[in-house]
């Protein structure tokens, strides 16, 4: 509940001053409003709302509203602002998709009369309904029970119930129209970023870029009852969040969960206990290092088995070349079909990919490697897919060991906003963490923003550290930027750790 009151007498002058600043800023950005401002003695609320909406739709200005999540302060003005300033589907910019058959870009029109085209943007597990798939319908009409084609996964899906989600209730509808955002019950295989449409005119909407996890921890249940529910609960959380991954370490038998940072994994563990009633212990965070090569090398691998059973024969020659760290892997076949039949090329590629999953130094996955097939030898009776897969894996394993392998670590893009009095101390601390400061920018109210690249391994516990260095007045944010080389000291330390 809230009420509208007159501005207190002691604040009228400040409110008048800032309203004038708002009007002047809008006049600087919009010529029509500037003329109205110069010609009129008084500007009405409706005129201000109109020009703010116009500038927002043109991406020339961004409305900022004050509020706090604590006790829901300012929620109603925010919702009013969404209605007043943001575009309806008809006013939004054109959506570009790619025609699956031709690969040519095409425009998706916001129209009920065209084919249905929808984007899945969120997965949510509801304790009463099950899995809810949130989607936005860009065009066409979708009805309950309709059969749609998932062009991202090349699968058909049957639409179950259609739910319009309100704050504290769900409204079931039989059909939805262009521009609607709903939750769907009954989709089995669709996940975040997938496109749903009709197969005869299938298109792909722009999907989400899902970054690779940069930090992992081991997790284990506290009791036998928790053990039974842990895996299924983690899988449901992974379905909701594509940046969260689960894997089982075959050597240690541990379950490893990976995400985008300490806070991300802390929230996952908290949700396990709060929503799924699964209690678990977690280990210390581990950085997701990678390995790569630094020189080009030619290598050979074979798989020859003659003793008993079905004989197998395959030989593969590879050339390995280093790529930049932002390129994961490239594969190219440079031999003709007489030297390497086409049916074996996919097996060679699969053998290479599987061999790249564990590097020669400490067993971390390898990135930044270009693999060229430069020679091959086969036998008409004894060669098969398995032989070429194993021969390629042997060739790559032999090559990476002598291609000057090294390790890479995730480097985060960090922004720290702090009062000017603490900037020097914070910058010194960033340098001590092997960070590279990129710039310093002045912000309002005596604040400054530091932008820097800092290795993730040096950022553990940074939230506590920065609070103590700024009397609790500094804030920071970070996101993954790239993989960068590490020092030989760190390489040796990780090799020792992996040998334990």
Protein backbone atom coordinates (compact mmCIF):
# COMPACT_ATOMS: atom_id res chain seq x y z
CA UNK A 1 0.00 0.00 0.00
CA UNK A 2 1.21 3.49 -0.76
CA UNK A 3 -0.22 7.00 -0.87
CA UNK A 4 0.55 10.18 -2.79
CA UNK A 5 1.30 13.24 -0.67
CA UNK A 6 2.36 16.80 -1.34
CA UNK A 7 6.10 17.45 -1.42
CA UNK A 8 7.30 18.56 2.04
CA UNK A 9 8.02 22.28 2.31
CA UNK A 10 11.72 21.74 3.03
CA UNK A 11 12.15 19.73 -0.21
CA UNK A 12 10.18 21.87 -2.68
CA UNK A 13 13.22 23.80 -3.87
CA UNK A 14 15.25 20.63 -4.55
CA UNK A 15 12.35 18.95 -6.36
CA UNK A 16 11.83 22.05 -8.52
CA UNK A 17 15.56 22.17 -9.32
CA UNK A 18 15.74 18.54 -10.43
CA UNK A 19 12.51 18.73 -12.41
CA UNK A 20 14.02 21.66 -14.33
CA UNK A 21 17.17 19.62 -14.96
CA UNK A 22 15.05 16.74 -16.27
CA UNK A 23 13.13 19.02 -18.63
CA UNK A 24 16.34 20.65 -19.91
CA UNK A 25 17.96 17.26 -20.51
CA UNK A 26 14.93 16.11 -22.50
CA UNK A 27 14.98 19.34 -24.53
CA UNK A 28 18.64 18.70 -25.43
CA UNK A 29 17.72 15.29 -26.85
CA UNK A 30 14.43 16.06 -28.64
CA UNK A 31 14.00 19.06 -30.96
CA UNK A 32 10.18 19.01 -30.92
CA UNK A 33 10.14 19.05 -27.14
CA UNK A 34 12.75 21.81 -27.11
CA UNK A 35 10.40 24.03 -29.15
CA UNK A 36 7.53 23.24 -26.77
CA UNK A 37 9.78 24.01 -23.79
CA UNK A 38 10.86 27.38 -25.21
CA UNK A 39 7.33 28.39 -26.22
CA UNK A 40 5.48 27.24 -23.09
CA UNK A 41 5.56 28.61 -19.59
CA UNK A 42 4.56 25.30 -18.06
CA UNK A 43 5.34 21.73 -19.16
CA UNK A 44 2.70 19.15 -18.24
CA UNK A 45 3.32 15.66 -16.89
CA UNK A 46 1.79 14.13 -20.02
CA UNK A 47 4.23 16.05 -22.24
CA UNK A 48 7.18 14.79 -20.20
CA UNK A 49 5.93 11.19 -20.33
CA UNK A 50 5.42 11.49 -24.09
CA UNK A 51 8.95 12.67 -24.82
CA UNK A 52 10.53 10.16 -22.39
CA UNK A 53 8.67 7.37 -24.20
CA UNK A 54 9.75 8.68 -27.60
CA UNK A 55 13.42 8.88 -26.58
CA UNK A 56 13.28 5.44 -24.93
CA UNK A 57 11.85 3.80 -28.06
CA UNK A 58 14.63 5.42 -30.10
CA UNK A 59 17.28 4.17 -27.59
CA UNK A 60 18.41 7.76 -27.00
CA UNK A 61 17.59 7.79 -23.28
CA UNK A 62 17.01 5.36 -20.43
CA UNK A 63 14.52 6.16 -17.67
CA UNK A 64 15.86 5.54 -14.16
CA UNK A 65 13.45 5.10 -11.24
CA UNK A 66 14.34 5.00 -7.56
CA UNK A 67 13.30 2.16 -5.29
CA UNK A 68 14.42 -0.71 -3.13
CA UNK A 69 13.70 -4.44 -3.16
CA UNK A 70 13.51 -4.23 0.64
CA UNK A 71 9.80 -4.03 1.56
CA UNK A 72 9.00 -3.57 -2.19
CA UNK A 73 9.59 0.18 -2.09
CA UNK A 74 8.91 1.83 -5.45
CA UNK A 75 7.47 -1.24 -7.20
CA UNK A 76 4.26 0.50 -8.34
CA UNK A 77 6.07 3.44 -10.03
CA UNK A 78 8.34 0.91 -11.74
CA UNK A 79 5.36 -1.00 -13.16
CA UNK A 80 3.77 2.31 -14.23
CA UNK A 81 7.05 3.20 -15.93
CA UNK A 82 7.02 -0.07 -17.87
CA UNK A 83 3.54 0.78 -19.15
CA UNK A 84 4.32 4.44 -19.84
CA UNK A 85 7.76 4.22 -21.46
CA UNK A 86 8.60 0.78 -22.83
CA UNK A 87 7.52 -0.44 -26.29
CA UNK A 88 4.65 -2.76 -27.02
CA UNK A 89 5.50 -5.66 -29.37
CA UNK A 90 4.19 -3.59 -32.29
CA UNK A 91 6.60 -0.74 -31.45
CA UNK A 92 9.67 -2.90 -30.88
CA UNK A 93 12.41 -3.13 -33.49
CA UNK A 94 12.13 -5.78 -36.18
CA UNK A 95 13.30 -9.23 -35.17
CA UNK A 96 15.78 -10.90 -37.52
CA UNK A 97 15.92 -14.68 -37.83
CA UNK A 98 17.77 -17.13 -40.10
CA UNK A 99 15.88 -19.35 -42.52
CA UNK A 100 16.94 -22.93 -41.69
CA UNK A 101 16.65 -24.23 -45.26
CA UNK A 102 18.55 -21.45 -47.06
CA UNK A 103 20.62 -19.91 -44.25
CA UNK A 104 19.45 -16.46 -45.39
CA UNK A 105 18.44 -13.83 -42.78
CA UNK A 106 14.72 -13.08 -42.71
CA UNK A 107 12.46 -10.71 -40.76
CA UNK A 108 9.89 -12.00 -38.29
CA UNK A 109 6.83 -9.74 -38.38
CA UNK A 110 4.73 -9.18 -35.26
CA UNK A 111 1.52 -10.44 -36.84
CA UNK A 112 -1.13 -12.95 -35.81
CA UNK A 113 -1.58 -14.06 -39.44
CA UNK A 114 1.97 -15.36 -40.00
CA UNK A 115 3.49 -18.67 -38.87
CA UNK A 116 4.06 -19.05 -35.11
CA UNK A 117 7.63 -18.22 -34.08
CA UNK A 118 8.62 -18.29 -30.40
CA UNK A 119 11.82 -18.10 -28.35
CA UNK A 120 12.34 -20.10 -25.15
CA UNK A 121 14.04 -17.76 -22.70
CA UNK A 122 13.71 -19.47 -19.30
CA UNK A 123 13.11 -22.85 -17.71
CA UNK A 124 11.60 -23.03 -14.22
CA UNK A 125 10.77 -26.04 -12.04
CA UNK A 126 7.50 -25.59 -10.17
CA UNK A 127 6.79 -27.96 -7.24
CA UNK A 128 3.10 -28.24 -8.19
CA UNK A 129 3.09 -28.08 -12.00
CA UNK A 130 6.51 -29.50 -12.90
CA UNK A 131 8.73 -27.93 -15.54
CA UNK A 132 7.54 -24.58 -16.87
CA UNK A 133 8.99 -23.38 -20.17
CA UNK A 134 8.75 -19.61 -20.55
CA UNK A 135 8.54 -18.37 -24.12
CA UNK A 136 7.88 -15.19 -26.02
CA UNK A 137 5.70 -15.50 -29.11
CA UNK A 138 7.09 -13.19 -31.80
CA UNK A 139 4.52 -13.99 -34.48
CA UNK A 140 1.46 -16.12 -35.23
CA UNK A 141 -0.96 -17.86 -32.89
CA UNK A 142 -0.26 -20.88 -30.66
CA UNK A 143 -3.05 -23.01 -29.23
CA UNK A 144 -3.03 -25.56 -26.44
CA UNK A 145 -2.35 -29.05 -27.88
CA UNK A 146 -0.56 -27.65 -30.94
CA UNK A 147 2.46 -29.47 -32.40
CA UNK A 148 5.51 -27.22 -32.89
CA UNK A 149 8.96 -27.86 -34.34
CA UNK A 150 12.06 -27.05 -32.29
CA UNK A 151 14.37 -25.84 -35.07
CA UNK A 152 17.33 -25.59 -32.65
CA UNK A 153 17.21 -29.30 -31.75
CA UNK A 154 15.30 -30.65 -34.77
CA UNK A 155 12.61 -32.17 -32.56
CA UNK A 156 8.83 -31.93 -32.43
CA UNK A 157 7.16 -30.72 -29.23
CA UNK A 158 3.53 -30.88 -28.13
CA UNK A 159 2.22 -27.76 -26.38
CA UNK A 160 0.36 -28.70 -23.20
CA UNK A 161 -1.21 -26.06 -21.00
CA UNK A 162 -0.62 -22.37 -21.68
CA UNK A 163 -0.28 -20.24 -18.53
CA UNK A 164 -0.16 -16.47 -18.20
CA UNK A 165 1.91 -15.87 -15.09
CA UNK A 166 0.79 -13.20 -12.63
CA UNK A 167 2.43 -12.17 -9.37
CA UNK A 168 0.60 -14.69 -7.17
CA UNK A 169 -1.54 -16.75 -9.55
CA UNK A 170 -1.59 -18.46 -12.92
CA UNK A 171 -4.19 -17.88 -15.59
CA UNK A 172 -4.74 -20.76 -17.99
CA UNK A 173 -5.55 -19.75 -21.59
CA UNK A 174 -6.38 -21.78 -24.66
CA UNK A 175 -4.42 -19.70 -27.20
CA UNK A 176 -1.82 -16.93 -27.29
CA UNK A 177 -1.07 -14.24 -29.86
CA UNK A 178 1.95 -12.38 -31.26
CA UNK A 179 3.70 -10.47 -28.49
CA UNK A 180 2.47 -12.64 -25.62
CA UNK A 181 4.83 -14.01 -22.96
CA UNK A 182 3.60 -17.22 -21.32
CA UNK A 183 4.71 -20.36 -19.53
CA UNK A 184 4.07 -23.71 -21.24
CA UNK A 185 3.57 -27.05 -19.51
CA UNK A 186 4.45 -30.17 -21.46
CA UNK A 187 7.58 -29.28 -23.46
CA UNK A 188 10.10 -32.10 -22.92
CA UNK A 189 13.28 -31.20 -24.80
CA UNK A 190 13.19 -27.44 -25.35
CA UNK A 191 15.68 -25.41 -23.35
CA UNK A 192 16.87 -21.84 -22.98
CA UNK A 193 17.58 -20.15 -26.33
CA UNK A 194 15.63 -22.64 -28.51
CA UNK A 195 13.30 -21.55 -31.32
CA UNK A 196 9.82 -23.05 -31.77
CA UNK A 197 8.05 -22.70 -35.14
CA UNK A 198 6.56 -24.78 -37.99
CA UNK A 199 8.86 -27.19 -39.83
CA UNK A 200 7.75 -26.22 -43.36
CA UNK A 201 9.06 -22.67 -42.83
CA UNK A 202 11.54 -23.24 -40.01
CA UNK A 203 13.64 -20.31 -38.79
CA UNK A 204 16.21 -19.78 -36.03
CA UNK A 205 15.93 -16.74 -33.79
CA UNK A 206 19.09 -15.29 -32.29
CA UNK A 207 20.04 -17.58 -29.43
CA UNK A 208 21.75 -16.75 -26.17
CA UNK A 209 25.53 -16.84 -25.84
CA UNK A 210 26.18 -19.18 -22.93
CA UNK A 211 29.65 -18.63 -21.43
CA UNK A 212 31.69 -21.56 -20.19
CA UNK A 213 31.74 -22.02 -16.37
CA UNK A 214 34.91 -20.66 -14.78
CA UNK A 215 34.74 -22.10 -11.28
CA UNK A 216 33.85 -25.47 -9.81
CA UNK A 217 33.38 -27.13 -6.43
CA UNK A 218 32.94 -30.71 -5.28
CA UNK A 219 29.57 -31.41 -3.65
CA UNK A 220 28.51 -34.39 -1.58
CA UNK A 221 25.25 -35.20 0.27
CA UNK A 222 25.08 -35.21 4.05
CA UNK A 223 22.97 -38.37 4.31
CA UNK A 224 21.73 -41.36 2.31
CA UNK A 225 18.33 -39.72 1.80
CA UNK A 226 20.06 -36.61 0.44
CA UNK A 227 22.15 -38.82 -1.86
CA UNK A 228 19.04 -40.16 -3.56
CA UNK A 229 17.67 -36.67 -4.29
CA UNK A 230 20.89 -34.79 -5.00
CA UNK A 231 21.46 -35.81 -8.62
CA UNK A 232 17.86 -35.25 -9.73
CA UNK A 233 17.75 -31.88 -7.96
CA UNK A 234 21.02 -30.76 -9.59
CA UNK A 235 19.71 -31.82 -13.00
CA UNK A 236 16.58 -29.73 -12.52
CA UNK A 237 18.68 -26.71 -11.55
CA UNK A 238 20.93 -27.26 -14.59
CA UNK A 239 17.85 -27.34 -16.84
CA UNK A 240 16.86 -23.91 -15.50
CA UNK A 241 20.33 -22.35 -15.74
CA UNK A 242 22.49 -23.06 -18.82
CA UNK A 243 25.57 -21.51 -17.16
CA UNK A 244 25.43 -24.17 -14.42
CA UNK A 245 26.96 -27.56 -15.23
CA UNK A 246 27.35 -30.90 -13.47
CA UNK A 247 29.91 -33.61 -14.10
CA UNK A 248 31.17 -36.70 -12.32
CA UNK A 249 34.92 -37.02 -11.81
CA UNK A 250 35.71 -40.61 -12.80
CA UNK A 251 38.99 -40.71 -10.87
CA UNK A 252 37.74 -39.36 -7.52
CA UNK A 253 34.09 -40.35 -7.86
CA UNK A 254 33.08 -36.82 -6.80
CA UNK A 255 30.25 -34.75 -8.25
CA UNK A 256 31.60 -31.43 -9.51
CA UNK A 257 29.28 -28.46 -9.99
CA UNK A 258 30.53 -25.52 -12.07
CA UNK A 259 29.27 -21.99 -12.54
CA UNK A 260 30.15 -18.35 -13.17
CA UNK A 261 31.46 -17.42 -9.72
CA UNK A 262 31.43 -18.03 -5.96
CA UNK A 263 28.07 -16.30 -5.47
CA UNK A 264 26.50 -18.32 -8.29
CA UNK A 265 27.43 -21.64 -6.65
CA UNK A 266 26.47 -20.40 -3.17
CA UNK A 267 22.96 -19.64 -4.46
CA UNK A 268 22.77 -23.09 -6.09
CA UNK A 269 23.64 -24.78 -2.78
CA UNK A 270 21.17 -22.56 -0.92
CA UNK A 271 18.39 -23.47 -3.39
CA UNK A 272 19.18 -27.16 -2.95
CA UNK A 273 18.48 -26.86 0.78
CA UNK A 274 15.59 -24.38 0.56
CA UNK A 275 13.60 -25.62 -2.44
CA UNK A 276 14.61 -29.27 -2.80
CA UNK A 277 15.30 -30.07 0.89
CA UNK A 278 18.71 -31.54 -0.01
CA UNK A 279 21.57 -30.79 2.40
CA UNK A 280 25.11 -31.04 1.06
CA UNK A 281 28.72 -30.23 1.82
CA UNK A 282 30.78 -28.32 -0.72
CA UNK A 283 34.54 -28.19 -1.13
CA UNK A 284 36.77 -25.21 -1.79
CA UNK A 285 36.22 -23.46 -5.13
CA UNK A 286 38.50 -24.66 -7.94
CA UNK A 287 39.35 -22.54 -10.97
CA UNK A 288 38.52 -24.05 -14.37
CA UNK A 289 42.00 -23.96 -15.91
CA UNK A 290 42.59 -24.90 -19.54
CA UNK A 291 45.63 -26.17 -21.46
CA UNK A 292 46.87 -25.27 -24.92
CA UNK A 293 49.90 -25.59 -27.25
CA UNK A 294 52.29 -22.81 -28.21
CA UNK A 295 54.12 -24.26 -31.27
CA UNK A 296 53.15 -26.07 -34.46
CA UNK A 297 53.99 -29.76 -34.69
CA UNK A 298 53.40 -32.74 -36.98
CA UNK A 299 52.58 -36.05 -35.32
CA UNK A 300 51.63 -39.61 -36.21
CA UNK A 301 49.33 -42.10 -34.56
CA UNK A 302 48.20 -45.61 -35.37
CA UNK A 303 46.04 -48.42 -34.11
CA UNK A 304 47.05 -51.88 -35.32
CA UNK A 305 45.68 -55.03 -33.75
CA UNK A 306 46.29 -58.45 -35.26
CA UNK A 307 46.26 -60.82 -32.26
CA UNK A 308 42.91 -62.56 -31.96
CA UNK A 309 39.48 -61.21 -32.65
CA UNK A 310 38.72 -58.86 -35.50
CA UNK A 311 41.95 -57.29 -36.90
CA UNK A 312 42.01 -53.50 -36.98
CA UNK A 313 44.31 -51.14 -38.86
CA UNK A 314 44.49 -47.34 -39.14
CA UNK A 315 47.22 -44.69 -39.37
CA UNK A 316 46.69 -40.94 -39.10
CA UNK A 317 49.08 -38.00 -39.50
CA UNK A 318 48.12 -34.68 -37.93
CA UNK A 319 49.49 -31.16 -37.92
CA UNK A 320 48.75 -29.18 -34.75
CA UNK A 321 48.79 -25.37 -34.77
CA UNK A 322 48.10 -22.94 -31.89
CA UNK A 323 45.07 -20.64 -32.11
CA UNK A 324 44.18 -17.57 -30.09
CA UNK A 325 42.70 -18.37 -26.67
CA UNK A 326 39.20 -17.24 -27.70
CA UNK A 327 39.09 -19.96 -30.39
CA UNK A 328 38.35 -23.33 -28.86
CA UNK A 329 39.04 -25.82 -31.64
CA UNK A 330 39.27 -26.05 -35.43
CA UNK A 331 39.42 -29.25 -37.48
CA UNK A 332 40.31 -29.52 -41.14
CA UNK A 333 40.88 -32.50 -43.43
CA UNK A 334 43.59 -31.94 -46.08
CA UNK A 335 43.80 -35.42 -47.61
CA UNK A 336 41.70 -36.80 -50.48
CA UNK A 337 39.17 -39.60 -50.27
CA UNK A 338 41.59 -42.18 -51.65
CA UNK A 339 43.95 -41.63 -48.73
CA UNK A 340 41.17 -41.25 -46.13
CA UNK A 341 37.62 -42.34 -47.11
CA UNK A 342 34.90 -39.90 -46.12
CA UNK A 343 33.20 -42.37 -43.78
CA UNK A 344 36.27 -42.27 -41.50
CA UNK A 345 36.67 -38.46 -41.28
CA UNK A 346 34.00 -38.11 -38.57
CA UNK A 347 35.74 -40.85 -36.54
CA UNK A 348 39.08 -39.04 -36.78
CA UNK A 349 37.41 -35.81 -35.61
CA UNK A 350 35.72 -37.60 -32.71
CA UNK A 351 39.02 -39.16 -31.63
CA UNK A 352 40.67 -35.74 -31.67
CA UNK A 353 37.86 -34.13 -29.65
CA UNK A 354 37.90 -36.85 -27.00
CA UNK A 355 41.69 -36.61 -26.69
CA UNK A 356 41.43 -32.84 -26.16
CA UNK A 357 39.29 -33.36 -23.06
CA UNK A 358 42.41 -33.97 -20.96
CA UNK A 359 45.67 -32.09 -21.56
CA UNK A 360 49.18 -33.46 -21.01
CA UNK A 361 50.16 -31.21 -18.07
CA UNK A 362 47.46 -31.52 -15.40
CA UNK A 363 44.55 -33.12 -17.22
CA UNK A 364 42.58 -29.91 -17.90
CA UNK A 365 40.62 -29.63 -21.18
CA UNK A 366 42.56 -28.21 -24.11
CA UNK A 367 41.51 -25.15 -26.14
CA UNK A 368 43.11 -23.02 -28.84
CA UNK A 369 44.19 -25.96 -31.02
CA UNK A 370 43.85 -26.25 -34.79
CA UNK A 371 44.08 -29.82 -36.08
CA UNK A 372 44.88 -30.58 -39.74
CA UNK A 373 44.71 -34.13 -41.11
CA UNK A 374 47.76 -34.33 -43.40
CA UNK A 375 48.09 -38.07 -44.02
CA UNK A 376 46.31 -41.38 -43.46
CA UNK A 377 46.63 -45.05 -44.29
CA UNK A 378 43.88 -47.66 -44.28
CA UNK A 379 43.12 -51.24 -45.21
CA UNK A 380 40.01 -52.23 -47.08
CA UNK A 381 39.22 -55.21 -44.84
CA UNK A 382 40.70 -54.24 -41.48
CA UNK A 383 39.98 -50.49 -41.18
CA UNK A 384 36.86 -49.24 -39.43
CA UNK A 385 35.56 -46.21 -37.47
CA UNK A 386 36.90 -47.44 -34.13
CA UNK A 387 40.42 -47.95 -35.49
CA UNK A 388 40.55 -44.42 -36.95
CA UNK A 389 39.10 -42.88 -33.81
CA UNK A 390 41.78 -44.51 -31.64
CA UNK A 391 44.57 -43.75 -34.14
CA UNK A 392 43.60 -40.05 -34.19
CA UNK A 393 43.45 -39.94 -30.37
CA UNK A 394 46.94 -41.49 -30.18
CA UNK A 395 48.30 -39.03 -32.74
CA UNK A 396 46.96 -36.02 -30.88
CA UNK A 397 48.19 -37.30 -27.50
CA UNK A 398 51.65 -37.81 -28.97
CA UNK A 399 51.65 -34.35 -30.55
CA UNK A 400 50.47 -32.15 -27.69
CA UNK A 401 53.19 -33.48 -25.40
CA UNK A 402 55.92 -32.02 -27.63
CA UNK A 403 54.07 -28.89 -28.84
CA UNK A 404 55.27 -26.80 -25.87
CA UNK A 405 52.04 -27.18 -23.87
CA UNK A 406 51.11 -24.55 -21.31
CA UNK A 407 48.18 -23.68 -19.10
CA UNK A 408 45.58 -20.91 -19.33
CA UNK A 409 43.45 -19.38 -16.59
CA UNK A 410 40.13 -17.53 -16.73
CA UNK A 411 40.57 -13.76 -16.60
CA UNK A 412 37.65 -11.68 -15.35
CA UNK A 413 36.62 -8.19 -16.39
CA UNK A 414 36.22 -6.39 -13.06
CA UNK A 415 34.66 -3.00 -12.31
CA UNK A 416 35.05 -1.45 -8.86
CA UNK A 417 33.07 1.67 -7.89
CA UNK A 418 34.39 3.39 -4.77
CA UNK A 419 34.76 6.84 -3.17
CA UNK A 420 37.82 8.79 -4.32
CA UNK A 421 39.47 8.51 -0.88
CA UNK A 422 39.90 4.74 -1.26
CA UNK A 423 40.85 4.50 -4.94
CA UNK A 424 44.63 4.39 -4.40
CA UNK A 425 44.45 1.54 -1.89
CA UNK A 426 42.04 -0.45 -4.09
CA UNK A 427 44.23 -0.02 -7.19
CA UNK A 428 47.28 -1.24 -5.25
CA UNK A 429 45.33 -4.30 -4.15
CA UNK A 430 44.26 -5.04 -7.76
CA UNK A 431 47.89 -4.84 -8.90
CA UNK A 432 48.89 -7.22 -6.10
CA UNK A 433 46.30 -9.68 -7.43
CA UNK A 434 48.06 -9.78 -10.83
CA UNK A 435 45.39 -7.45 -12.24
CA UNK A 436 45.82 -5.11 -15.22
CA UNK A 437 44.04 -1.80 -14.69
CA UNK A 438 42.43 -0.56 -17.91
CA UNK A 439 41.00 2.78 -16.87
CA UNK A 440 39.62 5.11 -14.24
CA UNK A 441 36.32 6.94 -14.73
CA UNK A 442 34.68 9.62 -12.61
CA UNK A 443 31.14 8.98 -11.45
CA UNK A 444 28.67 11.19 -9.64
CA UNK A 445 28.76 12.02 -5.92
CA UNK A 446 32.52 11.76 -5.58
CA UNK A 447 32.71 8.16 -6.80
CA UNK A 448 35.19 6.68 -9.26
CA UNK A 449 35.05 3.46 -11.27
CA UNK A 450 38.12 1.27 -11.86
CA UNK A 451 38.02 -1.17 -14.78
CA UNK A 452 40.56 -3.99 -14.77
CA UNK A 453 41.30 -7.52 -15.92
CA UNK A 454 42.07 -9.84 -12.99
CA UNK A 455 42.68 -13.62 -12.91
CA UNK A 456 39.76 -15.43 -11.30
CA UNK A 457 42.13 -17.34 -9.01
CA UNK A 458 42.96 -14.03 -7.30
CA UNK A 459 39.34 -12.96 -6.78
CA UNK A 460 38.26 -15.46 -4.12
CA UNK A 461 37.06 -13.61 -1.03
CA UNK A 462 37.26 -10.24 -2.77
CA UNK A 463 33.84 -9.10 -1.50
CA UNK A 464 35.08 -9.16 2.10
CA UNK A 465 38.42 -7.58 1.18
CA UNK A 466 36.92 -4.64 -0.69
CA UNK A 467 34.47 -3.91 2.10
CA UNK A 468 37.29 -3.71 4.62
CA UNK A 469 39.35 -1.43 2.36
CA UNK A 470 36.50 1.03 1.75
CA UNK A 471 34.60 1.04 5.05
CA UNK A 472 31.85 -0.86 3.27
CA UNK A 473 31.28 1.87 0.66
CA UNK A 474 32.75 0.20 -2.47
CA UNK A 475 30.98 -2.24 -4.77
CA UNK A 476 32.28 -4.43 -7.56
CA UNK A 477 31.04 -6.59 -10.42
CA UNK A 478 32.88 -9.07 -12.59
CA UNK A 479 32.26 -11.21 -15.64
CA UNK A 480 34.32 -13.66 -17.66
CA UNK A 481 36.48 -12.01 -20.33
CA UNK A 482 38.94 -14.53 -21.75
CA UNK A 483 41.55 -17.17 -20.98
CA UNK A 484 45.10 -15.91 -20.43
CA UNK A 485 48.51 -17.54 -19.91
CA UNK A 486 49.76 -18.35 -16.41
CA UNK A 487 53.24 -18.24 -14.94
CA UNK A 488 55.42 -21.34 -14.82
CA UNK A 489 55.14 -21.29 -11.03
CA UNK A 490 51.38 -21.75 -11.26
CA UNK A 491 51.79 -24.46 -13.92
CA UNK A 492 54.12 -26.41 -11.61
CA UNK A 493 51.72 -25.96 -8.68
CA UNK A 494 48.72 -27.26 -10.64
CA UNK A 495 50.74 -30.25 -11.94
CA UNK A 496 51.70 -31.11 -8.34
CA UNK A 497 48.06 -30.74 -7.23
CA UNK A 498 46.78 -33.02 -10.03
CA UNK A 499 49.34 -35.68 -9.08
CA UNK A 500 48.03 -35.94 -5.51
